[in-house]
């Protein structure tokens, strides 16, 4: 068994670098009845790829998920060296919660092979949800372009219209592997960019975080512990907990909670302070570059510009806790 029995559920694959918020995303995906999580692929990012695999298997085990295949993917970006975010996610990438080693084992194929096999075997087009650097997805699209015929949409957590977090203008996932992000955007697949502009806004109130953390159900309790993790870099004292990557999965389950605009997007690949920036063109009229024939046509992306925070918080809590959990 690899997912819910609901025949109307949307088949999805998550590609992740399981840190704190990727784990929150996995907990939601395996419990939402409208999502059929067919596979999970792992890539270096928040931590090294082997730790990502371990974290992913641990989360699925804690959540009581069925036997969803998990595969190891790229251990470094296409060009750049690995640059982890352990300073944010802890030494183990999971907030150093001291979780037990998983009894589950990864699949005996690599991430690209599992992605290809799962996508092509699906009777319905698959939605890909990358919550990590896009290295695995780029390798898939370049190696097996035939998969695009059975991909409904790619909803990726990455990029920013306004301010970055890895640099002043670049978000971590895109900055970690800009070339991979550029390949994804040029693949000709309908794409939604769930960037920092909405990512940072969806915060679970402190009371709900405490309730989750006190739950006797392992998956809900893990969600509470993860939401309680504090970013030592920012030193934030807000007792609430950000959903982060999980918001992108909420957007697949409930697209009406997200406001998007279809806009041209380009990834800056040149060295320097702008590398990894997602340049989103929000102009209402052509500029001088277009008028002088100097502009290049850019891929159109559904860019998330606003989010119904309360709606997604309620959706997340209801899904992870389950019916009657608060009774």
C-alpha atoms as a PDB file:
ATOM      1  CA  UNK A   1       0.000   0.000   0.000  1.00  0.00           C
ATOM      2  CA  UNK A   2       1.439   3.377  -0.981  1.00  0.00           C
ATOM      3  CA  UNK A   3      -1.321   5.847  -0.254  1.00  0.00           C
ATOM      4  CA  UNK A   4      -4.949   6.413   0.678  1.00  0.00           C
ATOM      5  CA  UNK A   5      -7.695   4.335  -0.858  1.00  0.00           C
ATOM      6  CA  UNK A   6      -9.631   7.417  -1.993  1.00  0.00           C
ATOM      7  CA  UNK A   7      -9.719   7.079  -5.782  1.00  0.00           C
ATOM      8  CA  UNK A   8     -10.300  10.821  -6.125  1.00  0.00           C
ATOM      9  CA  UNK A   9      -7.172  11.769  -4.164  1.00  0.00           C
ATOM     10  CA  UNK A  10      -4.520  13.760  -6.015  1.00  0.00           C
ATOM     11  CA  UNK A  11      -1.407  11.644  -6.660  1.00  0.00           C
ATOM     12  CA  UNK A  12       1.620  13.545  -5.346  1.00  0.00           C
ATOM     13  CA  UNK A  13       5.350  13.039  -4.952  1.00  0.00           C
ATOM     14  CA  UNK A  14       7.365  15.074  -2.455  1.00  0.00           C
ATOM     15  CA  UNK A  15      11.037  15.800  -3.138  1.00  0.00           C
ATOM     16  CA  UNK A  16      12.586  17.033   0.097  1.00  0.00           C
ATOM     17  CA  UNK A  17      15.694  17.752   2.169  1.00  0.00           C
ATOM     18  CA  UNK A  18      13.957  16.786   5.381  1.00  0.00           C
ATOM     19  CA  UNK A  19      14.587  19.366   8.014  1.00  0.00           C
ATOM     20  CA  UNK A  20      12.036  20.689  10.472  1.00  0.00           C
ATOM     21  CA  UNK A  21       9.473  22.092   8.044  1.00  0.00           C
ATOM     22  CA  UNK A  22       9.861  19.357   5.414  1.00  0.00           C
ATOM     23  CA  UNK A  23       8.940  16.961   8.215  1.00  0.00           C
ATOM     24  CA  UNK A  24       5.813  19.033   8.904  1.00  0.00           C
ATOM     25  CA  UNK A  25       4.983  18.797   5.196  1.00  0.00           C
ATOM     26  CA  UNK A  26       5.339  15.009   5.202  1.00  0.00           C
ATOM     27  CA  UNK A  27       3.118  14.660   8.279  1.00  0.00           C
ATOM     28  CA  UNK A  28       0.398  16.629   6.523  1.00  0.00           C
ATOM     29  CA  UNK A  29       0.732  14.834   3.180  1.00  0.00           C
ATOM     30  CA  UNK A  30       0.352  11.339   4.614  1.00  0.00           C
ATOM     31  CA  UNK A  31      -2.732  12.327   6.628  1.00  0.00           C
ATOM     32  CA  UNK A  32      -4.742  14.449   4.209  1.00  0.00           C
ATOM     33  CA  UNK A  33      -7.455  12.315   2.571  1.00  0.00           C
ATOM     34  CA  UNK A  34      -7.307  14.315  -0.648  1.00  0.00           C
ATOM     35  CA  UNK A  35      -3.612  13.552  -1.223  1.00  0.00           C
ATOM     36  CA  UNK A  36      -2.192  10.223  -2.371  1.00  0.00           C
ATOM     37  CA  UNK A  37       1.512  10.354  -1.510  1.00  0.00           C
ATOM     38  CA  UNK A  38       3.060   7.947  -3.998  1.00  0.00           C
ATOM     39  CA  UNK A  39       6.766   8.405  -3.240  1.00  0.00           C
ATOM     40  CA  UNK A  40       9.293  10.620  -1.452  1.00  0.00           C
ATOM     41  CA  UNK A  41      12.693  11.476  -2.882  1.00  0.00           C
ATOM     42  CA  UNK A  42      15.579  12.972  -0.931  1.00  0.00           C
ATOM     43  CA  UNK A  43      18.234  15.528  -1.815  1.00  0.00           C
ATOM     44  CA  UNK A  44      21.036  17.359  -0.023  1.00  0.00           C
ATOM     45  CA  UNK A  45      20.047  20.751   1.330  1.00  0.00           C
ATOM     46  CA  UNK A  46      19.141  21.388   4.954  1.00  0.00           C
ATOM     47  CA  UNK A  47      21.503  18.539   5.817  1.00  0.00           C
ATOM     48  CA  UNK A  48      23.475  15.888   3.913  1.00  0.00           C
ATOM     49  CA  UNK A  49      21.471  13.490   1.780  1.00  0.00           C
ATOM     50  CA  UNK A  50      22.025  10.422   3.973  1.00  0.00           C
ATOM     51  CA  UNK A  51      20.687  12.267   7.004  1.00  0.00           C
ATOM     52  CA  UNK A  52      17.779  13.490   4.867  1.00  0.00           C
ATOM     53  CA  UNK A  53      16.907   9.858   4.051  1.00  0.00           C
ATOM     54  CA  UNK A  54      17.060   8.887   7.721  1.00  0.00           C
ATOM     55  CA  UNK A  55      14.929  11.866   8.759  1.00  0.00           C
ATOM     56  CA  UNK A  56      12.350  11.121   6.073  1.00  0.00           C
ATOM     57  CA  UNK A  57      12.006   7.481   7.079  1.00  0.00           C
ATOM     58  CA  UNK A  58      11.732   8.498  10.739  1.00  0.00           C
ATOM     59  CA  UNK A  59       8.920  10.959  10.046  1.00  0.00           C
ATOM     60  CA  UNK A  60       6.943   8.463   7.973  1.00  0.00           C
ATOM     61  CA  UNK A  61       7.378   5.861  10.700  1.00  0.00           C
ATOM     62  CA  UNK A  62       6.311   8.251  13.467  1.00  0.00           C
ATOM     63  CA  UNK A  63       3.282   9.255  11.398  1.00  0.00           C
ATOM     64  CA  UNK A  64       2.197   5.641  10.967  1.00  0.00           C
ATOM     65  CA  UNK A  65       2.336   6.086   7.203  1.00  0.00           C
ATOM     66  CA  UNK A  66       1.951   3.098   4.861  1.00  0.00           C
ATOM     67  CA  UNK A  67       4.938   1.694   2.998  1.00  0.00           C
ATOM     68  CA  UNK A  68       5.671   4.733   0.861  1.00  0.00           C
ATOM     69  CA  UNK A  69       8.919   4.277  -1.117  1.00  0.00           C
ATOM     70  CA  UNK A  70      11.737   6.669  -0.177  1.00  0.00           C
ATOM     71  CA  UNK A  71      14.802   7.089  -2.388  1.00  0.00           C
ATOM     72  CA  UNK A  72      18.201   8.723  -1.965  1.00  0.00           C
ATOM     73  CA  UNK A  73      18.988  11.400  -4.534  1.00  0.00           C
ATOM     74  CA  UNK A  74      21.679  13.934  -5.345  1.00  0.00           C
ATOM     75  CA  UNK A  75      24.297  14.489  -2.668  1.00  0.00           C
ATOM     76  CA  UNK A  76      25.323  17.881  -4.066  1.00  0.00           C
ATOM     77  CA  UNK A  77      24.011  20.576  -6.416  1.00  0.00           C
ATOM     78  CA  UNK A  78      24.701  20.456 -10.162  1.00  0.00           C
ATOM     79  CA  UNK A  79      27.616  22.907  -9.896  1.00  0.00           C
ATOM     80  CA  UNK A  80      27.956  24.295  -6.377  1.00  0.00           C
ATOM     81  CA  UNK A  81      29.267  22.477  -3.298  1.00  0.00           C
ATOM     82  CA  UNK A  82      26.843  21.414  -0.563  1.00  0.00           C
ATOM     83  CA  UNK A  83      25.949  24.261   1.798  1.00  0.00           C
ATOM     84  CA  UNK A  84      23.701  22.935   4.549  1.00  0.00           C
ATOM     85  CA  UNK A  85      21.418  24.784   6.957  1.00  0.00           C
ATOM     86  CA  UNK A  86      22.312  22.866  10.119  1.00  0.00           C
ATOM     87  CA  UNK A  87      22.637  26.184  11.922  1.00  0.00           C
ATOM     88  CA  UNK A  88      18.859  26.516  11.482  1.00  0.00           C
ATOM     89  CA  UNK A  89      17.616  22.913  11.657  1.00  0.00           C
ATOM     90  CA  UNK A  90      20.031  21.447  14.204  1.00  0.00           C
ATOM     91  CA  UNK A  91      22.865  18.932  13.912  1.00  0.00           C
ATOM     92  CA  UNK A  92      20.499  16.189  12.730  1.00  0.00           C
ATOM     93  CA  UNK A  93      18.371  18.505  10.587  1.00  0.00           C
ATOM     94  CA  UNK A  94      15.337  17.762  12.759  1.00  0.00           C
ATOM     95  CA  UNK A  95      15.809  20.154  15.664  1.00  0.00           C
ATOM     96  CA  UNK A  96      17.959  17.646  17.595  1.00  0.00           C
ATOM     97  CA  UNK A  97      14.832  16.030  19.032  1.00  0.00           C
ATOM     98  CA  UNK A  98      16.617  12.745  19.700  1.00  0.00           C
ATOM     99  CA  UNK A  99      14.210  10.682  17.601  1.00  0.00           C
ATOM    100  CA  UNK A 100      14.910   6.947  17.315  1.00  0.00           C
ATOM    101  CA  UNK A 101      16.546   5.507  14.227  1.00  0.00           C
ATOM    102  CA  UNK A 102      13.933   4.265  11.753  1.00  0.00           C
ATOM    103  CA  UNK A 103      13.293   0.573  11.203  1.00  0.00           C
ATOM    104  CA  UNK A 104      12.255   1.342   7.619  1.00  0.00           C
ATOM    105  CA  UNK A 105      14.756   1.195   4.777  1.00  0.00           C
ATOM    106  CA  UNK A 106      14.984   3.239   1.562  1.00  0.00           C
ATOM    107  CA  UNK A 107      14.099   1.860  -1.838  1.00  0.00           C
ATOM    108  CA  UNK A 108      16.757   0.010  -3.807  1.00  0.00           C
ATOM    109  CA  UNK A 109      16.677   2.602  -6.618  1.00  0.00           C
ATOM    110  CA  UNK A 110      17.925   6.182  -6.759  1.00  0.00           C
ATOM    111  CA  UNK A 111      15.641   9.201  -6.641  1.00  0.00           C
ATOM    112  CA  UNK A 112      15.581   9.871 -10.387  1.00  0.00           C
ATOM    113  CA  UNK A 113      14.680   6.256 -11.147  1.00  0.00           C
ATOM    114  CA  UNK A 114      11.931   6.276  -8.527  1.00  0.00           C
ATOM    115  CA  UNK A 115      10.558   9.578  -9.807  1.00  0.00           C
ATOM    116  CA  UNK A 116      10.462   8.327 -13.390  1.00  0.00           C
ATOM    117  CA  UNK A 117       8.898   4.989 -12.490  1.00  0.00           C
ATOM    118  CA  UNK A 118       6.259   6.483 -10.214  1.00  0.00           C
ATOM    119  CA  UNK A 119       5.260   9.273 -12.580  1.00  0.00           C
ATOM    120  CA  UNK A 120       4.958   7.078 -15.668  1.00  0.00           C
ATOM    121  CA  UNK A 121       3.108   4.329 -13.785  1.00  0.00           C
ATOM    122  CA  UNK A 122       0.462   6.645 -12.363  1.00  0.00           C
ATOM    123  CA  UNK A 123      -2.983   6.268 -13.973  1.00  0.00           C
ATOM    124  CA  UNK A 124      -3.545   9.981 -13.344  1.00  0.00           C
ATOM    125  CA  UNK A 125      -1.105  12.876 -13.864  1.00  0.00           C
ATOM    126  CA  UNK A 126       1.068  13.458 -10.798  1.00  0.00           C
ATOM    127  CA  UNK A 127       1.658  16.700  -8.894  1.00  0.00           C
ATOM    128  CA  UNK A 128       5.290  17.153  -7.842  1.00  0.00           C
ATOM    129  CA  UNK A 129       5.919  19.066  -4.613  1.00  0.00           C
ATOM    130  CA  UNK A 130       9.628  19.893  -4.243  1.00  0.00           C
ATOM    131  CA  UNK A 131      10.354  21.460  -0.837  1.00  0.00           C
ATOM    132  CA  UNK A 132      14.111  21.413  -1.306  1.00  0.00           C
ATOM    133  CA  UNK A 133      16.867  22.412  -3.707  1.00  0.00           C
ATOM    134  CA  UNK A 134      15.726  21.287  -7.154  1.00  0.00           C
ATOM    135  CA  UNK A 135      18.677  19.091  -8.121  1.00  0.00           C
ATOM    136  CA  UNK A 136      16.728  15.813  -8.315  1.00  0.00           C
ATOM    137  CA  UNK A 137      13.968  17.415 -10.355  1.00  0.00           C
ATOM    138  CA  UNK A 138      16.434  18.975 -12.801  1.00  0.00           C
ATOM    139  CA  UNK A 139      18.227  15.647 -13.280  1.00  0.00           C
ATOM    140  CA  UNK A 140      14.876  13.946 -13.886  1.00  0.00           C
ATOM    141  CA  UNK A 141      13.728  16.526 -16.440  1.00  0.00           C
ATOM    142  CA  UNK A 142      17.025  16.438 -18.324  1.00  0.00           C
ATOM    143  CA  UNK A 143      17.430  12.648 -18.233  1.00  0.00           C
ATOM    144  CA  UNK A 144      13.810  11.607 -18.771  1.00  0.00           C
ATOM    145  CA  UNK A 145      11.911  14.484 -20.408  1.00  0.00           C
ATOM    146  CA  UNK A 146       9.118  12.063 -21.327  1.00  0.00           C
ATOM    147  CA  UNK A 147       7.836  12.284 -17.737  1.00  0.00           C
ATOM    148  CA  UNK A 148       6.404  15.746 -18.387  1.00  0.00           C
ATOM    149  CA  UNK A 149       3.460  14.186 -20.222  1.00  0.00           C
ATOM    150  CA  UNK A 150       2.209  12.738 -16.922  1.00  0.00           C
ATOM    151  CA  UNK A 151       2.976  15.663 -14.594  1.00  0.00           C
ATOM    152  CA  UNK A 152      -0.103  17.733 -13.791  1.00  0.00           C
ATOM    153  CA  UNK A 153       1.762  20.556 -12.053  1.00  0.00           C
ATOM    154  CA  UNK A 154       4.902  21.325 -10.062  1.00  0.00           C
ATOM    155  CA  UNK A 155       4.301  23.254  -6.840  1.00  0.00           C
ATOM    156  CA  UNK A 156       7.710  24.096  -5.432  1.00  0.00           C
ATOM    157  CA  UNK A 157       8.757  25.835  -2.250  1.00  0.00           C
ATOM    158  CA  UNK A 158      11.404  28.242  -3.358  1.00  0.00           C
ATOM    159  CA  UNK A 159      12.214  31.692  -4.564  1.00  0.00           C
ATOM    160  CA  UNK A 160      11.084  35.109  -3.422  1.00  0.00           C
ATOM    161  CA  UNK A 161       9.526  38.146  -5.024  1.00  0.00           C
ATOM    162  CA  UNK A 162      10.868  40.516  -2.384  1.00  0.00           C
ATOM    163  CA  UNK A 163      13.512  39.603   0.207  1.00  0.00           C
ATOM    164  CA  UNK A 164      15.666  36.474   0.277  1.00  0.00           C
ATOM    165  CA  UNK A 165      16.990  34.531   3.234  1.00  0.00           C
ATOM    166  CA  UNK A 166      20.184  32.916   1.907  1.00  0.00           C
ATOM    167  CA  UNK A 167      21.206  36.318   0.539  1.00  0.00           C
ATOM    168  CA  UNK A 168      19.493  39.672   0.412  1.00  0.00           C
ATOM    169  CA  UNK A 169      17.612  38.578  -2.707  1.00  0.00           C
ATOM    170  CA  UNK A 170      17.918  34.768  -2.946  1.00  0.00           C
ATOM    171  CA  UNK A 171      15.871  32.123  -1.131  1.00  0.00           C
ATOM    172  CA  UNK A 172      17.807  29.087   0.167  1.00  0.00           C
ATOM    173  CA  UNK A 173      16.420  26.321  -2.076  1.00  0.00           C
ATOM    174  CA  UNK A 174      17.011  28.258  -5.293  1.00  0.00           C
ATOM    175  CA  UNK A 175      20.325  29.718  -4.082  1.00  0.00           C
ATOM    176  CA  UNK A 176      21.568  26.213  -3.212  1.00  0.00           C
ATOM    177  CA  UNK A 177      21.191  25.101  -6.850  1.00  0.00           C
ATOM    178  CA  UNK A 178      20.231  27.967  -9.189  1.00  0.00           C
ATOM    179  CA  UNK A 179      20.891  25.983 -12.363  1.00  0.00           C
ATOM    180  CA  UNK A 180      18.461  23.282 -11.239  1.00  0.00           C
ATOM    181  CA  UNK A 181      15.777  25.902 -10.570  1.00  0.00           C
ATOM    182  CA  UNK A 182      16.308  27.392 -14.020  1.00  0.00           C
ATOM    183  CA  UNK A 183      15.875  23.945 -15.607  1.00  0.00           C
ATOM    184  CA  UNK A 184      12.608  23.399 -13.755  1.00  0.00           C
ATOM    185  CA  UNK A 185      11.181  26.759 -14.826  1.00  0.00           C
ATOM    186  CA  UNK A 186      11.988  26.062 -18.475  1.00  0.00           C
ATOM    187  CA  UNK A 187      10.481  22.542 -18.534  1.00  0.00           C
ATOM    188  CA  UNK A 188       7.130  23.625 -19.956  1.00  0.00           C
ATOM    189  CA  UNK A 189       5.168  22.130 -17.047  1.00  0.00           C
ATOM    190  CA  UNK A 190       2.553  24.252 -15.233  1.00  0.00           C
ATOM    191  CA  UNK A 191       4.392  25.540 -12.168  1.00  0.00           C
ATOM    192  CA  UNK A 192       3.472  27.307  -8.938  1.00  0.00           C
ATOM    193  CA  UNK A 193       6.143  29.131  -6.947  1.00  0.00           C
ATOM    194  CA  UNK A 194       5.384  29.048  -3.214  1.00  0.00           C
ATOM    195  CA  UNK A 195       8.073  31.484  -2.161  1.00  0.00           C
ATOM    196  CA  UNK A 196       9.195  33.311   0.961  1.00  0.00           C
ATOM    197  CA  UNK A 197       6.527  35.974   0.439  1.00  0.00           C
ATOM    198  CA  UNK A 198       3.898  33.507   1.690  1.00  0.00           C
ATOM    199  CA  UNK A 199       6.157  30.887   3.312  1.00  0.00           C
ATOM    200  CA  UNK A 200       7.002  33.074   6.295  1.00  0.00           C
ATOM    201  CA  UNK A 201       3.441  34.163   6.999  1.00  0.00           C
ATOM    202  CA  UNK A 202       1.703  30.883   7.902  1.00  0.00           C
ATOM    203  CA  UNK A 203       2.304  30.536  11.642  1.00  0.00           C
ATOM    204  CA  UNK A 204       0.487  28.185  14.041  1.00  0.00           C
ATOM    205  CA  UNK A 205      -0.501  29.948  17.295  1.00  0.00           C
ATOM    206  CA  UNK A 206       1.351  28.994  20.467  1.00  0.00           C
ATOM    207  CA  UNK A 207      -1.671  27.369  22.126  1.00  0.00           C
ATOM    208  CA  UNK A 208      -2.149  25.004  19.202  1.00  0.00           C
ATOM    209  CA  UNK A 209       1.554  24.179  19.181  1.00  0.00           C
ATOM    210  CA  UNK A 210       1.406  23.265  22.886  1.00  0.00           C
ATOM    211  CA  UNK A 211      -1.684  21.116  22.373  1.00  0.00           C
ATOM    212  CA  UNK A 212      -0.023  19.189  19.574  1.00  0.00           C
ATOM    213  CA  UNK A 213       3.111  18.682  21.643  1.00  0.00           C
ATOM    214  CA  UNK A 214       1.061  17.203  24.481  1.00  0.00           C
ATOM    215  CA  UNK A 215      -0.827  14.765  22.239  1.00  0.00           C
ATOM    216  CA  UNK A 216      -0.633  11.053  22.965  1.00  0.00           C
ATOM    217  CA  UNK A 217      -0.686  10.328  19.215  1.00  0.00           C
ATOM    218  CA  UNK A 218       2.903  10.076  17.905  1.00  0.00           C
ATOM    219  CA  UNK A 219       2.438  11.984  14.646  1.00  0.00           C
ATOM    220  CA  UNK A 220       0.577  14.903  16.185  1.00  0.00           C
ATOM    221  CA  UNK A 221       3.072  15.050  19.057  1.00  0.00           C
ATOM    222  CA  UNK A 222       5.967  15.131  16.596  1.00  0.00           C
ATOM    223  CA  UNK A 223       4.293  18.017  14.741  1.00  0.00           C
ATOM    224  CA  UNK A 224       4.068  19.943  17.998  1.00  0.00           C
ATOM    225  CA  UNK A 225       7.711  19.307  18.840  1.00  0.00           C
ATOM    226  CA  UNK A 226       8.806  20.383  15.375  1.00  0.00           C
ATOM    227  CA  UNK A 227       6.698  23.541  15.499  1.00  0.00           C
ATOM    228  CA  UNK A 228       8.292  24.369  18.858  1.00  0.00           C
ATOM    229  CA  UNK A 229      11.769  24.383  17.299  1.00  0.00           C
ATOM    230  CA  UNK A 230      13.320  27.839  17.396  1.00  0.00           C
ATOM    231  CA  UNK A 231      15.627  29.242  14.742  1.00  0.00           C
ATOM    232  CA  UNK A 232      18.842  30.080  16.650  1.00  0.00           C
ATOM    233  CA  UNK A 233      19.984  32.386  13.855  1.00  0.00           C
ATOM    234  CA  UNK A 234      17.105  34.828  14.111  1.00  0.00           C
ATOM    235  CA  UNK A 235      16.589  34.345  17.831  1.00  0.00           C
ATOM    236  CA  UNK A 236      12.851  34.701  17.333  1.00  0.00           C
ATOM    237  CA  UNK A 237      10.896  34.576  20.574  1.00  0.00           C
ATOM    238  CA  UNK A 238       7.444  34.122  19.044  1.00  0.00           C
ATOM    239  CA  UNK A 239       6.015  31.018  20.724  1.00  0.00           C
ATOM    240  CA  UNK A 240       4.048  30.181  17.572  1.00  0.00           C
ATOM    241  CA  UNK A 241       5.455  27.827  14.970  1.00  0.00           C
ATOM    242  CA  UNK A 242       5.844  28.410  11.237  1.00  0.00           C
ATOM    243  CA  UNK A 243       4.497  25.760   8.856  1.00  0.00           C
ATOM    244  CA  UNK A 244       7.143  26.646   6.281  1.00  0.00           C
ATOM    245  CA  UNK A 245       7.333  23.963   3.590  1.00  0.00           C
ATOM    246  CA  UNK A 246       4.064  22.422   4.785  1.00  0.00           C
ATOM    247  CA  UNK A 247       2.257  25.458   3.397  1.00  0.00           C
ATOM    248  CA  UNK A 248       3.172  24.354  -0.126  1.00  0.00           C
ATOM    249  CA  UNK A 249       1.476  21.004   0.473  1.00  0.00           C
ATOM    250  CA  UNK A 250      -1.555  22.785   1.937  1.00  0.00           C
ATOM    251  CA  UNK A 251      -1.689  24.754  -1.319  1.00  0.00           C
ATOM    252  CA  UNK A 252      -1.981  21.509  -3.296  1.00  0.00           C
ATOM    253  CA  UNK A 253      -4.708  20.169  -1.022  1.00  0.00           C
ATOM    254  CA  UNK A 254      -6.585  23.502  -0.969  1.00  0.00           C
ATOM    255  CA  UNK A 255      -5.493  25.793  -3.834  1.00  0.00           C
ATOM    256  CA  UNK A 256      -8.220  28.336  -3.019  1.00  0.00           C
ATOM    257  CA  UNK A 257      -6.243  29.476   0.024  1.00  0.00           C
ATOM    258  CA  UNK A 258      -3.439  30.809  -2.177  1.00  0.00           C
ATOM    259  CA  UNK A 259      -3.505  33.929  -4.348  1.00  0.00           C
ATOM    260  CA  UNK A 260      -1.243  33.606  -7.382  1.00  0.00           C
ATOM    261  CA  UNK A 261      -0.445  35.766 -10.390  1.00  0.00           C
ATOM    262  CA  UNK A 262       0.958  34.339 -13.617  1.00  0.00           C
ATOM    263  CA  UNK A 263       4.186  36.252 -14.126  1.00  0.00           C
ATOM    264  CA  UNK A 264       7.511  35.918 -15.965  1.00  0.00           C
ATOM    265  CA  UNK A 265      10.239  34.531 -13.687  1.00  0.00           C
ATOM    266  CA  UNK A 266      13.964  34.221 -14.323  1.00  0.00           C
ATOM    267  CA  UNK A 267      16.684  32.765 -12.091  1.00  0.00           C
ATOM    268  CA  UNK A 268      19.883  34.799 -11.892  1.00  0.00           C
ATOM    269  CA  UNK A 269      22.801  32.451 -12.644  1.00  0.00           C
ATOM    270  CA  UNK A 270      25.698  34.890 -12.855  1.00  0.00           C
ATOM    271  CA  UNK A 271      28.194  35.014  -9.975  1.00  0.00           C
ATOM    272  CA  UNK A 272      27.787  37.817  -7.499  1.00  0.00           C
ATOM    273  CA  UNK A 273      25.287  39.088  -4.960  1.00  0.00           C
ATOM    274  CA  UNK A 274      22.290  38.395  -7.223  1.00  0.00           C
ATOM    275  CA  UNK A 275      23.039  34.710  -7.866  1.00  0.00           C
ATOM    276  CA  UNK A 276      20.022  32.552  -7.093  1.00  0.00           C
ATOM    277  CA  UNK A 277      17.522  35.408  -7.172  1.00  0.00           C
ATOM    278  CA  UNK A 278      14.140  34.685  -8.733  1.00  0.00           C
ATOM    279  CA  UNK A 279      13.519  37.821 -10.759  1.00  0.00           C
ATOM    280  CA  UNK A 280       9.726  38.188 -10.948  1.00  0.00           C
ATOM    281  CA  UNK A 281       8.461  40.707 -13.494  1.00  0.00           C
ATOM    282  CA  UNK A 282       5.433  42.475 -11.987  1.00  0.00           C
ATOM    283  CA  UNK A 283       5.424  45.420 -14.392  1.00  0.00           C
ATOM    284  CA  UNK A 284       2.131  46.372 -16.020  1.00  0.00           C
ATOM    285  CA  UNK A 285       3.672  47.553 -19.265  1.00  0.00           C
ATOM    286  CA  UNK A 286       6.777  46.841 -21.345  1.00  0.00           C
ATOM    287  CA  UNK A 287       9.953  48.645 -20.373  1.00  0.00           C
ATOM    288  CA  UNK A 288      12.770  50.083 -22.399  1.00  0.00           C
ATOM    289  CA  UNK A 289      14.495  46.713 -22.705  1.00  0.00           C
ATOM    290  CA  UNK A 290      11.434  45.279 -24.458  1.00  0.00           C
ATOM    291  CA  UNK A 291      10.925  48.359 -26.597  1.00  0.00           C
ATOM    292  CA  UNK A 292      14.527  48.172 -27.788  1.00  0.00           C
ATOM    293  CA  UNK A 293      14.336  44.430 -28.456  1.00  0.00           C
ATOM    294  CA  UNK A 294      16.824  43.566 -25.714  1.00  0.00           C
ATOM    295  CA  UNK A 295      14.549  41.493 -23.459  1.00  0.00           C
ATOM    296  CA  UNK A 296      14.305  37.714 -23.538  1.00  0.00           C
ATOM    297  CA  UNK A 297      11.046  35.853 -23.182  1.00  0.00           C
ATOM    298  CA  UNK A 298      10.778  34.288 -19.719  1.00  0.00           C
ATOM    299  CA  UNK A 299       8.758  31.295 -18.481  1.00  0.00           C
ATOM    300  CA  UNK A 300       5.387  32.156 -16.968  1.00  0.00           C
ATOM    301  CA  UNK A 301       4.943  30.912 -13.406  1.00  0.00           C
ATOM    302  CA  UNK A 302       1.981  31.081 -11.027  1.00  0.00           C
ATOM    303  CA  UNK A 303       3.676  33.100  -8.289  1.00  0.00           C
ATOM    304  CA  UNK A 304       2.123  33.061  -4.822  1.00  0.00           C
ATOM    305  CA  UNK A 305       1.629  36.635  -3.641  1.00  0.00           C
ATOM    306  CA  UNK A 306      -0.879  36.183  -0.829  1.00  0.00           C
ATOM    307  CA  UNK A 307      -2.135  33.392   1.440  1.00  0.00           C
ATOM    308  CA  UNK A 308      -5.132  32.860   3.713  1.00  0.00           C
ATOM    309  CA  UNK A 309      -3.144  32.178   6.871  1.00  0.00           C
ATOM    310  CA  UNK A 310      -6.047  31.189   9.119  1.00  0.00           C
ATOM    311  CA  UNK A 311      -7.422  28.832   6.478  1.00  0.00           C
ATOM    312  CA  UNK A 312      -4.151  26.927   6.119  1.00  0.00           C
ATOM    313  CA  UNK A 313      -3.491  26.805   9.850  1.00  0.00           C
ATOM    314  CA  UNK A 314      -6.948  25.298  10.434  1.00  0.00           C
ATOM    315  CA  UNK A 315      -6.449  22.889   7.546  1.00  0.00           C
ATOM    316  CA  UNK A 316      -3.081  21.744   8.893  1.00  0.00           C
ATOM    317  CA  UNK A 317      -4.308  21.222  12.445  1.00  0.00           C
ATOM    318  CA  UNK A 318      -7.465  19.401  11.390  1.00  0.00           C
ATOM    319  CA  UNK A 319      -5.461  17.099   9.132  1.00  0.00           C
ATOM    320  CA  UNK A 320      -2.574  16.267  11.443  1.00  0.00           C
ATOM    321  CA  UNK A 321      -4.655  15.856  14.587  1.00  0.00           C
ATOM    322  CA  UNK A 322      -7.471  13.995  12.857  1.00  0.00           C
ATOM    323  CA  UNK A 323     -11.186  13.975  13.549  1.00  0.00           C
ATOM    324  CA  UNK A 324     -12.047  13.837  17.227  1.00  0.00           C
ATOM    325  CA  UNK A 325      -8.461  14.336  18.424  1.00  0.00           C
ATOM    326  CA  UNK A 326      -9.505  17.363  20.459  1.00  0.00           C
ATOM    327  CA  UNK A 327     -12.701  15.834  21.806  1.00  0.00           C
END
